[in-house]
Amino acid sequence: MFDSIRRLLSEDNFMPHGMCYLWQPGVLGLHIVSDTLITLAYFAISFALAYFVYKRKDLQFHWMFIAFAIFIVACGGTHLMEVWVIWNPTYWLSGSVKAVTALASVPTAILLAKLIPHALQLPSPSALRGANTELEREIAERTRAELAIRRLNEQLEERVAERTRELEAANRLLRQTQLAAVQQERLLALGQMASGIAHDINNALSPAALNSRLLLEQNASLNDETQECLADIHRSVEDVMHLVGRMTDFYRVRAPQLLPTPVQLNGILEQVVDLTSARWHDMPLERGFVVNIEMSFEADLPRILGVESEIRDALVNLVLNAVDAMPEGGVLTLRSYTLTQPCVEAGPSEAHEVSGPHSQARPLPVRVEVCDTGVGMTEETKRKCLQPFYTTKGEQGTGLGLAMVYGMVQRHRAEIEIQSEPHRGTTVSLIFPAAVASASASQNAGPAPRALSQRILVVDDEPRVSKSFRRLLEADGHQVTVADSGQAGIDTFIAANRRGEPFDLVLADLGMPHVDGRKVAAGIKAVSPLTPIVLVTGWGQSISAAGELPLHVDRLLSKPPDIEAFRRVIFDLISKRPN
């Protein structure tokens, strides 16, 4: 091996290559400079290719670049040896470098020949520019498509959000409708349940109502205390009567004989305080507690249109609830005042009153508040407290008090507000539309006109009721005949006609065995079609609410009837009857 190296580096008596140039300086300089520059250029190109391949790992045909770099390095070596042998005739070394160059060039040429078909398949610069242009166009179209999709997504999100809001509103409306339907069904069930006992209760109340009113009208000589007791009895009977009527009337419009009249709320509040004094004063004292009452009534409070007994009964319920909410005593506050802004929708009667060329500006609404410092209510209790049969008093409560208050509020086109927090008391507010004075209202406010003496037939199977009607009618100057059954009433009427002493008017009960009030009306109308017939019944409000007057009946009144309405009906029918 050492011999081969010595042989490779030996000169073997060769002459330097410079002698071939005759050591002429010009020729020597030309070859030396040229070979040196070629050597440096080849080495630089080789290192540049090697660096390029090193940095571009993803370069295709990188093996070709490496082979070419080796070939160029070898070529640079041959030119370097050309400079070396000018002075040092080591031609074996120079030949060996050329052999290495040959070994590097031949595989490079072969690989390049194989590479040319693949390289020819590469796109030209113009094709690349076209491809780039197409790619840019596709990118632009994709960008536009993405923007369009983004806008569509935004629009879709807006539509979904809007639809969600609509669905939420629809769901809220559906829940409110369902709650209203459930409330209406409960009220309907309550009215249907109460209608079964309304007739008997109204029949039992009729004598008390008629007789107490008659005593008040005919006995002016009674002392004030007795008259006040009779007034309380009559008022209580009317309250019970309207209470029974409202139990069947939660879902119906007000009966004709209960049309609203101007009512002074302050007077009703004072009556409520007196009526409930035992509950808020006496009974707490028996248990060792004190309920203080505070009253703040606006002096010139406008009147409202309403039914006095309904409003009084509702306020009594609110006061009793407030007292029950303060088992260990507290402060009960009653307030009435005029609101500064209108907030209650007018009812039909009010709309009629304010119409016309001489209508007045609508007064501001009136607010009544019943406040306590008791246990208060949770949100769930506040949400359910107006539902019939809902109570927090256990077996002691019926769950009808606030439901009846709510029914009164609806019938009066009023509003109810409940503010309450646990352990911080409760405030229940009733907001009524103020009454507008009208000529019709002032006309109806006075006593009803009374008809001249007439012959009247009373047909009723309840002796106490018929006796009460007889007393009232005779006190008004009429001649009264009583029949205790439907058939007896028809026979009595026919017999009077035959004697030439016909009756001017017939009052008949509806619910009588065998021959009821309808059959009585049909039998009498068959004999005397012009004789007015008034049907007086404990189911009067239910029949009136249905809007259908029984056949052959001229007027319908509920038991016990309002005295003034009763007299007005008799006067109207008699005055309209042809001579």
Protein backbone atom coordinates (compact mmCIF):
# COMPACT_ATOMS: atom_id res chain seq x y z
CA MET A 1 0.00 0.00 0.00
CA PHE A 2 2.89 2.36 0.89
CA ASP A 3 4.58 1.43 -2.35
CA SER A 4 1.42 2.42 -4.24
CA ILE A 5 1.33 5.77 -2.47
CA ARG A 6 5.06 6.37 -3.17
CA ARG A 7 4.51 5.38 -6.76
CA LEU A 8 1.49 7.70 -6.98
CA LEU A 9 3.56 10.62 -5.66
CA SER A 10 6.84 9.77 -7.47
CA GLU A 11 8.07 11.75 -10.44
CA ASP A 12 9.94 8.79 -12.07
CA ASN A 13 12.31 11.07 -13.97
CA PHE A 14 9.38 12.78 -15.70
CA MET A 15 9.98 16.34 -16.77
CA PRO A 16 7.68 19.08 -15.47
CA HIS A 17 4.93 20.19 -17.76
CA GLY A 18 6.38 23.69 -17.77
CA MET A 19 9.12 22.50 -19.99
CA CYS A 20 6.49 21.85 -22.65
CA TYR A 21 5.71 25.55 -22.41
CA LEU A 22 9.49 26.21 -22.68
CA TRP A 23 9.04 28.08 -19.42
CA GLN A 24 7.73 31.02 -21.29
CA PRO A 25 6.18 33.34 -18.74
CA GLY A 26 3.21 34.34 -20.86
CA VAL A 27 2.09 30.80 -21.59
CA LEU A 28 2.74 29.74 -18.00
CA GLY A 29 0.73 32.63 -16.57
CA LEU A 30 -2.17 32.01 -18.93
CA HIS A 31 -2.51 28.33 -17.96
CA ILE A 32 -1.92 28.90 -14.25
CA VAL A 33 -4.56 31.69 -13.94
CA SER A 34 -7.11 29.88 -16.10
CA ASP A 35 -6.82 26.55 -14.27
CA THR A 36 -6.84 28.25 -10.89
CA LEU A 37 -10.06 30.22 -11.64
CA ILE A 38 -11.70 27.09 -13.09
CA THR A 39 -10.76 25.14 -9.95
CA LEU A 40 -12.19 27.79 -7.62
CA ALA A 41 -15.40 28.08 -9.72
CA TYR A 42 -15.91 24.31 -9.76
CA PHE A 43 -15.39 24.02 -6.01
CA ALA A 44 -17.78 26.96 -5.39
CA ILE A 45 -20.46 25.46 -7.64
CA SER A 46 -20.13 22.08 -5.91
CA PHE A 47 -20.45 23.52 -2.41
CA ALA A 48 -23.40 25.69 -3.53
CA LEU A 49 -25.20 22.63 -4.92
CA ALA A 50 -24.44 20.64 -1.77
CA TYR A 51 -25.77 23.46 0.44
CA PHE A 52 -28.89 23.82 -1.72
CA VAL A 53 -29.64 20.07 -1.48
CA TYR A 54 -29.00 20.15 2.28
CA LYS A 55 -31.48 22.97 2.81
CA ARG A 56 -34.17 21.65 0.47
CA LYS A 57 -35.02 18.28 1.90
CA ASP A 58 -38.16 18.10 -0.31
CA LEU A 59 -36.21 18.66 -3.55
CA GLN A 60 -37.02 16.25 -6.33
CA PHE A 61 -34.08 14.44 -8.04
CA HIS A 62 -31.73 15.59 -5.26
CA TRP A 63 -29.50 12.61 -6.03
CA MET A 64 -28.81 14.16 -9.43
CA PHE A 65 -27.63 17.37 -7.79
CA ILE A 66 -25.32 15.39 -5.48
CA ALA A 67 -23.81 13.39 -8.40
CA PHE A 68 -23.32 16.58 -10.37
CA ALA A 69 -21.62 18.24 -7.40
CA ILE A 70 -19.19 15.29 -7.06
CA PHE A 71 -18.46 15.44 -10.80
CA ILE A 72 -17.73 19.17 -10.67
CA VAL A 73 -15.48 18.77 -7.61
CA ALA A 74 -13.54 16.11 -9.52
CA CYS A 75 -13.26 18.41 -12.55
CA GLY A 76 -11.95 21.15 -10.29
CA GLY A 77 -9.38 18.69 -8.97
CA THR A 78 -8.12 17.95 -12.48
CA HIS A 79 -7.59 21.66 -13.18
CA LEU A 80 -5.83 22.00 -9.84
CA MET A 81 -3.50 19.15 -10.81
CA GLU A 82 -2.78 20.92 -14.15
CA VAL A 83 -1.31 23.80 -12.19
CA TRP A 84 0.56 21.39 -9.89
CA VAL A 85 2.30 19.39 -12.68
CA ILE A 86 3.73 22.54 -14.28
CA TRP A 87 6.51 22.33 -11.69
CA ASN A 88 5.95 18.84 -10.18
CA PRO A 89 5.79 16.03 -12.70
CA THR A 90 3.55 13.69 -10.55
CA TYR A 91 1.63 12.48 -13.51
CA TRP A 92 0.43 9.33 -11.74
CA LEU A 93 -1.42 11.51 -9.20
CA SER A 94 -2.74 13.75 -11.96
CA GLY A 95 -3.97 10.73 -13.87
CA SER A 96 -5.60 9.28 -10.78
CA VAL A 97 -7.55 12.53 -10.26
CA LYS A 98 -8.67 12.38 -13.91
CA ALA A 99 -9.73 8.76 -13.35
CA VAL A 100 -11.83 9.80 -10.40
CA THR A 101 -13.34 12.53 -12.57
CA ALA A 102 -14.11 9.96 -15.23
CA LEU A 103 -15.75 7.64 -12.65
CA ALA A 104 -17.87 10.56 -11.46
CA SER A 105 -18.79 11.80 -14.93
CA VAL A 106 -19.91 8.51 -16.41
CA PRO A 107 -22.62 7.71 -13.76
CA THR A 108 -23.65 11.36 -13.81
CA ALA A 109 -24.11 11.22 -17.59
CA ILE A 110 -26.09 7.97 -17.33
CA LEU A 111 -28.32 9.34 -14.53
CA LEU A 112 -28.81 12.58 -16.46
CA ALA A 113 -29.91 10.61 -19.55
CA LYS A 114 -32.50 8.81 -17.43
CA LEU A 115 -33.58 12.06 -15.81
CA ILE A 116 -34.24 13.96 -19.02
CA PRO A 117 -37.67 12.30 -19.80
CA HIS A 118 -38.86 13.05 -16.29
CA ALA A 119 -37.47 16.57 -16.41
CA LEU A 120 -39.21 17.17 -19.74
CA GLN A 121 -42.52 16.35 -18.04
CA LEU A 122 -42.04 19.21 -15.62
CA PRO A 123 -44.26 22.21 -16.50
CA SER A 124 -42.70 25.12 -18.25
CA PRO A 125 -42.56 28.58 -16.62
CA SER A 126 -45.54 29.73 -18.73
CA ALA A 127 -47.45 26.62 -17.69
CA LEU A 128 -46.51 27.31 -14.08
CA ARG A 129 -47.66 30.90 -14.48
CA GLY A 130 -50.93 29.65 -15.95
CA ALA A 131 -51.28 27.13 -13.16
CA ASN A 132 -50.54 29.83 -10.62
CA THR A 133 -53.07 32.11 -12.26
CA GLU A 134 -55.68 29.32 -12.20
CA LEU A 135 -54.78 28.55 -8.62
CA GLU A 136 -55.14 32.21 -7.68
CA ARG A 137 -58.53 32.27 -9.43
CA GLU A 138 -59.62 29.15 -7.56
CA ILE A 139 -58.37 30.66 -4.31
CA ALA A 140 -60.30 33.85 -5.03
CA GLU A 141 -63.44 31.84 -5.86
CA ARG A 142 -62.98 29.78 -2.71
CA THR A 143 -62.48 32.95 -0.71
CA ARG A 144 -65.66 34.40 -2.20
CA ALA A 145 -67.46 31.13 -1.50
CA GLU A 146 -66.19 31.13 2.08
CA LEU A 147 -67.35 34.72 2.51
CA ALA A 148 -70.74 33.82 1.05
CA ILE A 149 -70.95 30.79 3.33
CA ARG A 150 -69.94 32.96 6.28
CA ARG A 151 -72.64 35.48 5.38
CA LEU A 152 -75.16 32.68 4.96
CA ASN A 153 -74.12 31.29 8.33
CA GLU A 154 -74.55 34.71 9.90
CA GLN A 155 -77.95 35.09 8.26
CA LEU A 156 -78.84 31.58 9.36
CA GLU A 157 -77.74 32.34 12.90
CA GLU A 158 -79.82 35.54 12.84
CA ARG A 159 -82.81 33.62 11.52
CA VAL A 160 -82.30 30.91 14.11
CA ALA A 161 -82.01 33.54 16.84
CA GLU A 162 -85.12 35.33 15.52
CA ARG A 163 -86.98 32.03 15.23
CA THR A 164 -85.85 31.13 18.73
CA ARG A 165 -87.19 34.43 20.02
CA GLU A 166 -90.46 33.82 18.16
CA LEU A 167 -90.68 30.32 19.59
CA GLU A 168 -89.94 31.61 23.07
CA ALA A 169 -92.63 34.26 22.66
CA ALA A 170 -95.01 31.62 21.29
CA ASN A 171 -94.15 29.34 24.20
CA ARG A 172 -94.76 32.15 26.67
CA LEU A 173 -98.07 32.91 24.97
CA LEU A 174 -98.93 29.21 24.97
CA ARG A 175 -98.10 28.93 28.68
CA GLN A 176 -100.20 32.01 29.42
CA THR A 177 -103.03 30.61 27.31
CA GLN A 178 -102.75 27.26 29.05
CA LEU A 179 -102.72 28.92 32.46
CA ALA A 180 -105.71 31.04 31.45
CA ALA A 181 -107.50 27.93 30.16
CA VAL A 182 -106.73 26.04 33.37
CA GLN A 183 -107.90 29.04 35.39
CA GLN A 184 -111.08 29.24 33.33
CA GLU A 185 -111.73 25.52 33.72
CA ARG A 186 -111.27 25.78 37.46
CA LEU A 187 -113.59 28.76 37.63
CA LEU A 188 -116.10 26.91 35.46
CA ALA A 189 -115.92 23.88 37.74
CA LEU A 190 -116.44 26.13 40.73
CA GLY A 191 -119.42 27.84 39.09
CA GLN A 192 -120.98 24.53 38.10
CA MET A 193 -120.50 23.15 41.59
CA ALA A 194 -122.04 26.24 43.17
CA SER A 195 -125.01 26.34 40.78
CA GLY A 196 -126.36 23.18 42.36
CA ILE A 197 -126.98 24.91 45.68
CA ALA A 198 -127.65 28.44 44.40
CA HIS A 199 -131.40 27.92 43.96
CA ASP A 200 -132.02 26.68 47.51
CA ILE A 201 -129.83 29.35 49.09
CA ASN A 202 -131.48 32.15 47.11
CA ASN A 203 -134.93 30.85 48.03
CA ALA A 204 -133.95 30.85 51.69
CA LEU A 205 -132.55 34.38 51.43
CA SER A 206 -135.54 35.89 49.65
CA PRO A 207 -137.79 36.29 52.73
CA ALA A 208 -135.00 37.86 54.76
CA ALA A 209 -134.05 40.28 51.97
CA LEU A 210 -137.62 41.33 51.15
CA ASN A 211 -138.83 41.60 54.74
CA SER A 212 -135.81 43.52 56.01
CA ARG A 213 -136.11 46.02 53.17
CA LEU A 214 -139.83 46.36 53.77
CA LEU A 215 -139.27 47.02 57.47
CA LEU A 216 -136.70 49.67 56.64
CA GLU A 217 -139.09 51.44 54.28
CA GLN A 218 -142.28 51.24 56.37
CA ASN A 219 -141.07 51.75 59.93
CA ALA A 220 -139.59 55.21 60.05
CA SER A 221 -140.51 55.36 63.72
CA LEU A 222 -137.88 52.77 64.64
CA ASN A 223 -134.93 54.13 66.59
CA ASP A 224 -131.57 54.57 64.89
CA GLU A 225 -130.01 51.47 66.43
CA THR A 226 -132.85 49.24 65.24
CA GLN A 227 -132.71 50.72 61.76
CA GLU A 228 -128.96 50.19 61.71
CA CYS A 229 -129.42 46.56 62.72
CA LEU A 230 -131.99 46.05 59.97
CA ALA A 231 -129.65 47.73 57.48
CA ASP A 232 -126.83 45.39 58.53
CA ILE A 233 -129.13 42.39 58.15
CA HIS A 234 -130.25 43.51 54.72
CA ARG A 235 -126.69 44.27 53.65
CA SER A 236 -125.46 40.88 54.87
CA VAL A 237 -128.27 39.10 53.03
CA GLU A 238 -127.34 40.95 49.85
CA ASP A 239 -123.70 40.05 50.36
CA VAL A 240 -124.55 36.36 50.71
CA MET A 241 -126.83 36.60 47.68
CA HIS A 242 -124.10 38.16 45.55
CA LEU A 243 -121.56 35.71 46.95
CA VAL A 244 -123.63 32.77 45.73
CA GLY A 245 -124.14 34.53 42.43
CA ARG A 246 -120.42 35.14 41.97
CA MET A 247 -119.63 31.51 42.70
CA THR A 248 -121.60 30.64 39.56
CA ASP A 249 -120.50 33.74 37.69
CA PHE A 250 -116.68 33.57 37.64
CA TYR A 251 -116.63 32.98 33.90
CA ARG A 252 -119.74 34.91 32.87
CA VAL A 253 -120.60 38.55 32.31
CA ARG A 254 -122.47 40.42 35.01
CA ALA A 255 -126.21 39.73 35.18
CA PRO A 256 -128.51 42.59 34.03
CA GLN A 257 -129.78 43.36 37.53
CA LEU A 258 -126.18 43.76 38.76
CA LEU A 259 -125.25 46.61 36.44
CA PRO A 260 -122.61 48.84 38.00
CA THR A 261 -123.54 52.05 39.78
CA PRO A 262 -121.35 54.88 41.11
CA VAL A 263 -119.72 53.66 44.34
CA GLN A 264 -117.76 55.56 46.98
CA LEU A 265 -114.82 53.37 47.97
CA ASN A 266 -114.02 55.24 51.19
CA GLY A 267 -117.46 54.41 52.55
CA ILE A 268 -117.00 50.74 51.65
CA LEU A 269 -113.59 50.71 53.35
CA GLU A 270 -115.10 52.12 56.54
CA GLN A 271 -117.80 49.43 56.44
CA VAL A 272 -115.12 46.76 55.94
CA VAL A 273 -113.22 48.02 58.99
CA ASP A 274 -116.39 47.77 61.10
CA LEU A 275 -117.40 44.36 59.73
CA THR A 276 -113.97 42.81 60.36
CA SER A 277 -113.19 44.47 63.71
CA ALA A 278 -113.71 41.22 65.57
CA ARG A 279 -111.02 39.51 63.47
CA TRP A 280 -108.36 42.22 63.59
CA HIS A 281 -109.06 43.55 67.09
CA ASP A 282 -110.91 41.16 69.41
CA MET A 283 -109.58 37.75 68.39
CA PRO A 284 -105.86 38.74 68.41
CA LEU A 285 -106.32 40.30 71.87
CA GLU A 286 -107.72 36.99 73.14
CA ARG A 287 -104.43 35.35 72.10
CA GLY A 288 -102.34 38.13 73.63
CA PHE A 289 -101.39 39.89 70.40
CA VAL A 290 -102.25 43.28 68.95
CA VAL A 291 -103.07 44.17 65.35
CA ASN A 292 -102.89 47.93 64.84
CA ILE A 293 -104.88 49.36 61.98
CA GLU A 294 -103.82 52.41 60.00
CA MET A 295 -106.15 54.11 57.52
CA SER A 296 -105.27 56.70 54.89
CA PHE A 297 -108.23 57.64 52.68
CA GLU A 298 -108.09 60.41 50.11
CA ALA A 299 -110.68 63.02 51.02
CA ASP A 300 -112.21 63.68 47.57
CA LEU A 301 -111.73 60.22 46.14
CA PRO A 302 -113.57 59.87 42.80
CA ARG A 303 -116.40 57.40 42.63
CA ILE A 304 -116.03 54.19 40.65
CA LEU A 305 -118.55 52.15 38.68
CA GLY A 306 -119.19 48.85 40.38
CA VAL A 307 -121.36 46.60 42.51
CA GLU A 308 -120.99 47.69 46.11
CA SER A 309 -121.56 44.27 47.66
CA GLU A 310 -118.98 42.61 45.41
CA ILE A 311 -116.32 45.19 46.19
CA ARG A 312 -117.08 45.09 49.91
CA ASP A 313 -116.89 41.29 49.97
CA ALA A 314 -113.57 41.36 48.10
CA LEU A 315 -112.07 43.89 50.53
CA VAL A 316 -113.33 41.83 53.49
CA ASN A 317 -111.52 38.81 52.05
CA LEU A 318 -108.31 40.82 51.66
CA VAL A 319 -108.50 42.14 55.23
CA LEU A 320 -109.15 38.67 56.67
CA ASN A 321 -106.22 37.26 54.68
CA ALA A 322 -104.00 40.07 55.96
CA VAL A 323 -105.01 39.34 59.57
CA ASP A 324 -104.40 35.61 59.09
CA ALA A 325 -100.91 36.44 57.77
CA MET A 326 -100.07 38.14 61.12
CA PRO A 327 -100.64 35.37 63.74
CA GLU A 328 -98.46 37.23 66.26
CA GLY A 329 -99.84 40.69 65.55
CA GLY A 330 -98.64 43.50 63.36
CA VAL A 331 -99.87 46.50 61.42
CA LEU A 332 -102.82 46.41 59.01
CA THR A 333 -102.91 49.37 56.62
CA LEU A 334 -105.78 50.45 54.36
CA ARG A 335 -105.14 53.18 51.78
CA SER A 336 -107.13 54.80 48.98
CA TYR A 337 -105.88 57.44 46.58
CA THR A 338 -106.06 58.62 42.99
CA LEU A 339 -103.32 57.60 40.59
CA THR A 340 -101.45 60.19 38.58
CA GLN A 341 -101.52 58.21 35.33
CA PRO A 342 -104.37 56.26 33.68
CA CYS A 343 -103.64 52.54 33.68
CA VAL A 344 -106.96 50.69 33.65
CA GLU A 345 -108.93 49.80 30.55
CA ALA A 346 -112.46 51.12 30.55
CA GLY A 347 -115.36 48.71 30.51
CA PRO A 348 -118.21 48.82 28.02
CA SER A 349 -120.49 50.88 30.24
CA GLU A 350 -117.80 53.50 30.73
CA ALA A 351 -117.07 53.64 27.02
CA HIS A 352 -120.72 54.36 26.43
CA GLU A 353 -120.76 57.11 29.01
CA VAL A 354 -117.82 59.06 27.68
CA SER A 355 -118.95 58.94 24.06
CA GLY A 356 -120.94 61.71 22.47
CA PRO A 357 -120.52 65.40 21.82
CA HIS A 358 -120.65 66.36 25.51
CA SER A 359 -118.31 63.68 26.83
CA GLN A 360 -115.98 64.54 29.64
CA ALA A 361 -112.33 63.69 30.11
CA ARG A 362 -111.90 60.37 31.86
CA PRO A 363 -110.92 60.74 35.53
CA LEU A 364 -107.77 59.11 36.77
CA PRO A 365 -107.99 55.57 38.20
CA VAL A 366 -108.47 54.91 41.89
CA ARG A 367 -106.17 52.62 43.86
CA VAL A 368 -107.02 50.75 47.07
CA GLU A 369 -104.26 49.01 49.04
CA VAL A 370 -104.50 46.43 51.81
CA CYS A 371 -101.10 46.01 53.49
CA ASP A 372 -99.87 43.78 56.29
CA THR A 373 -96.57 43.14 58.04
CA GLY A 374 -97.06 39.38 58.16
CA VAL A 375 -95.29 36.29 56.91
CA GLY A 376 -95.42 37.27 53.23
CA MET A 377 -95.49 34.95 50.23
CA THR A 378 -92.96 33.07 48.14
CA GLU A 379 -92.86 33.49 44.36
CA GLU A 380 -94.66 30.17 43.90
CA THR A 381 -97.42 31.21 46.31
CA LYS A 382 -97.79 34.56 44.55
CA ARG A 383 -98.10 32.74 41.22
CA LYS A 384 -100.81 30.38 42.48
CA CYS A 385 -102.67 32.45 45.07
CA LEU A 386 -105.42 33.57 42.66
CA GLN A 387 -106.27 30.02 41.61
CA PRO A 388 -109.48 28.54 43.05
CA PHE A 389 -108.99 26.03 45.87
CA TYR A 390 -105.33 26.96 46.37
CA THR A 391 -104.64 27.67 50.03
CA THR A 392 -101.68 27.80 52.42
CA LYS A 393 -103.91 27.55 55.52
CA GLY A 394 -104.40 23.79 55.45
CA GLU A 395 -107.81 22.55 56.52
CA GLN A 396 -108.75 26.00 57.79
CA GLY A 397 -108.69 27.53 54.32
CA THR A 398 -111.07 27.03 51.38
CA GLY A 399 -108.87 28.53 48.67
CA LEU A 400 -111.77 30.63 47.37
CA GLY A 401 -111.11 34.06 48.91
CA LEU A 402 -108.53 35.45 46.50
CA ALA A 403 -110.13 33.59 43.58
CA MET A 404 -113.37 35.48 44.26
CA VAL A 405 -111.41 38.74 44.56
CA TYR A 406 -109.89 37.98 41.17
CA GLY A 407 -113.36 37.32 39.71
CA MET A 408 -114.58 40.67 41.04
CA VAL A 409 -111.55 42.41 39.51
CA GLN A 410 -112.26 40.88 36.12
CA ARG A 411 -115.93 41.82 36.17
CA HIS A 412 -115.10 45.42 37.12
CA ARG A 413 -112.44 45.81 34.39
CA ALA A 414 -110.01 46.51 37.20
CA GLU A 415 -106.46 45.37 37.94
CA ILE A 416 -104.89 43.54 40.84
CA GLU A 417 -101.26 43.81 41.94
CA ILE A 418 -99.62 41.70 44.62
CA GLN A 419 -96.30 42.67 46.18
CA SER A 420 -94.90 40.30 48.76
CA GLU A 421 -91.69 38.82 50.10
CA PRO A 422 -91.25 36.13 52.74
CA HIS A 423 -91.21 37.64 56.26
CA ARG A 424 -91.68 41.17 54.86
CA GLY A 425 -95.43 41.38 54.52
CA THR A 426 -97.84 41.66 51.61
CA THR A 427 -99.52 44.52 49.78
CA VAL A 428 -102.55 43.77 47.58
CA SER A 429 -103.63 46.67 45.36
CA LEU A 430 -106.92 46.98 43.49
CA ILE A 431 -107.01 49.59 40.71
CA PHE A 432 -110.45 50.68 39.49
CA PRO A 433 -111.40 53.00 36.63
CA ALA A 434 -113.11 56.07 38.03
CA ALA A 435 -116.75 56.65 37.12
CA VAL A 436 -117.74 59.32 34.62
CA ALA A 437 -120.92 61.14 35.46
CA SER A 438 -123.73 60.62 32.95
CA ALA A 439 -127.35 61.49 32.65
CA SER A 440 -128.42 57.86 32.50
CA ALA A 441 -126.55 57.03 35.67
CA SER A 442 -128.16 59.86 37.58
CA GLN A 443 -131.56 58.78 36.36
CA ASN A 444 -131.11 55.20 37.50
CA ALA A 445 -129.65 56.19 40.83
CA GLY A 446 -132.98 57.35 42.30
CA PRO A 447 -135.82 55.15 43.58
CA ALA A 448 -137.75 53.20 40.99
CA PRO A 449 -141.21 54.48 40.02
CA ARG A 450 -144.12 52.48 41.40
CA ALA A 451 -147.05 51.30 39.34
CA LEU A 452 -150.63 52.11 40.36
CA SER A 453 -152.65 49.44 42.11
CA GLN A 454 -152.70 46.27 40.03
CA ARG A 455 -154.03 42.74 40.38
CA ILE A 456 -150.96 40.48 40.66
CA LEU A 457 -150.82 36.69 40.84
CA VAL A 458 -147.83 35.18 42.73
CA VAL A 459 -147.10 31.52 41.95
CA ASP A 460 -144.48 29.90 44.25
CA ASP A 461 -144.32 26.59 46.12
CA GLU A 462 -142.31 28.14 48.97
CA PRO A 463 -144.80 29.70 51.44
CA ARG A 464 -142.24 32.01 53.04
CA VAL A 465 -141.16 33.36 49.67
CA SER A 466 -144.70 33.90 48.39
CA LYS A 467 -145.68 35.55 51.69
CA SER A 468 -142.70 37.92 51.43
CA PHE A 469 -143.63 38.91 47.87
CA ARG A 470 -147.23 39.40 48.99
CA ARG A 471 -146.20 41.74 51.83
CA LEU A 472 -143.97 43.80 49.52
CA LEU A 473 -146.55 44.11 46.74
CA GLU A 474 -149.40 44.90 49.09
CA ALA A 475 -147.24 47.55 50.74
CA ASP A 476 -146.91 49.13 47.30
CA GLY A 477 -150.71 49.14 46.96
CA HIS A 478 -151.26 46.10 44.76
CA GLN A 479 -153.93 43.39 45.12
CA VAL A 480 -152.12 40.08 45.47
CA THR A 481 -153.32 36.49 45.07
CA VAL A 482 -150.98 33.61 45.94
CA ALA A 483 -150.93 30.12 44.38
CA ASP A 484 -148.76 27.43 45.99
CA SER A 485 -148.06 25.35 42.87
CA GLY A 486 -147.77 25.72 39.13
CA GLN A 487 -151.06 24.02 38.31
CA ALA A 488 -152.85 26.00 41.02
CA GLY A 489 -151.49 29.19 39.48
CA ILE A 490 -152.86 28.31 36.02
CA ASP A 491 -156.24 27.33 37.48
CA THR A 492 -156.43 30.51 39.55
CA PHE A 493 -155.61 32.66 36.51
CA ILE A 494 -158.21 30.95 34.31
CA ALA A 495 -160.87 31.21 37.05
CA ALA A 496 -160.20 34.94 37.49
CA ASN A 497 -160.54 35.49 33.74
CA ARG A 498 -163.86 33.71 33.71
CA ARG A 499 -165.11 35.91 36.56
CA GLY A 500 -164.11 38.98 34.63
CA GLU A 501 -161.39 39.82 37.13
CA PRO A 502 -158.20 39.19 35.13
CA PHE A 503 -154.75 39.61 36.62
CA ASP A 504 -152.60 42.47 35.36
CA LEU A 505 -149.29 40.66 35.98
CA VAL A 506 -148.05 37.22 37.03
CA LEU A 507 -144.95 36.46 39.15
CA ALA A 508 -143.94 32.79 38.90
CA ASP A 509 -141.16 30.70 40.39
CA LEU A 510 -139.20 28.52 37.96
CA GLY A 511 -138.34 25.47 40.04
CA MET A 512 -141.65 23.93 41.07
CA PRO A 513 -142.56 20.22 41.02
CA HIS A 514 -144.78 18.78 38.26
CA VAL A 515 -145.66 22.13 36.65
CA ASP A 516 -142.69 24.50 36.65
CA GLY A 517 -142.55 28.20 35.82
CA ARG A 518 -142.14 27.61 32.08
CA LYS A 519 -145.34 25.56 31.92
CA VAL A 520 -147.13 28.18 33.99
CA ALA A 521 -146.06 30.88 31.50
CA ALA A 522 -147.14 28.75 28.54
CA GLY A 523 -150.54 28.00 30.12
CA ILE A 524 -151.24 31.63 30.98
CA LYS A 525 -150.09 32.97 27.60
CA ALA A 526 -152.41 30.46 25.92
CA VAL A 527 -155.33 32.10 27.75
CA SER A 528 -154.13 35.73 27.79
CA PRO A 529 -151.19 36.47 25.44
CA LEU A 530 -150.90 40.10 26.57
CA THR A 531 -150.56 39.40 30.30
CA PRO A 532 -146.92 40.10 31.31
CA ILE A 533 -145.18 37.26 33.12
CA VAL A 534 -142.12 37.71 35.31
CA LEU A 535 -140.10 34.61 36.15
CA VAL A 536 -138.41 34.90 39.56
CA THR A 537 -135.90 32.12 40.30
CA GLY A 538 -132.82 31.22 42.25
CA TRP A 539 -131.16 30.32 38.94
CA GLY A 540 -131.79 33.76 37.50
CA GLN A 541 -128.15 34.80 37.10
CA SER A 542 -127.21 31.56 35.34
CA ILE A 543 -130.15 31.82 32.92
CA SER A 544 -129.47 35.52 32.28
CA ALA A 545 -125.79 34.80 31.63
CA ALA A 546 -126.78 32.24 29.01
CA GLY A 547 -128.55 35.07 27.14
CA GLU A 548 -131.76 33.14 26.50
CA LEU A 549 -135.08 34.29 27.96
CA PRO A 550 -137.45 31.34 28.49
CA LEU A 551 -140.36 31.12 26.04
CA HIS A 552 -143.51 33.05 26.99
CA VAL A 553 -141.61 34.95 29.72
CA ASP A 554 -141.42 38.75 29.54
CA ARG A 555 -138.81 39.39 32.23
CA LEU A 556 -136.45 37.32 34.37
CA LEU A 557 -135.31 38.22 37.90
CA SER A 558 -133.02 36.43 40.32
CA LYS A 559 -133.97 35.55 43.86
CA PRO A 560 -133.84 37.44 46.07
CA PRO A 561 -134.51 40.36 43.72
CA ASP A 562 -133.23 43.85 44.19
CA ILE A 563 -136.28 45.79 45.43
CA GLU A 564 -135.77 48.79 43.16
CA ALA A 565 -135.12 46.59 40.13
CA PHE A 566 -138.20 44.55 41.03
CA ARG A 567 -140.39 47.66 41.19
CA ARG A 568 -138.91 49.05 37.99
CA VAL A 569 -139.71 45.81 36.11
CA ILE A 570 -143.32 45.89 37.32
CA PHE A 571 -143.67 49.55 36.36
CA ASP A 572 -142.18 48.98 32.89
CA LEU A 573 -144.37 45.97 32.10
CA ILE A 574 -147.57 47.59 33.33
CA SER A 575 -146.87 50.87 31.55
CA LYS A 576 -146.15 49.11 28.25
CA ARG A 577 -149.28 46.92 28.40
CA PRO A 578 -152.00 48.15 25.99
CA ASN A 579 -155.28 49.23 27.60
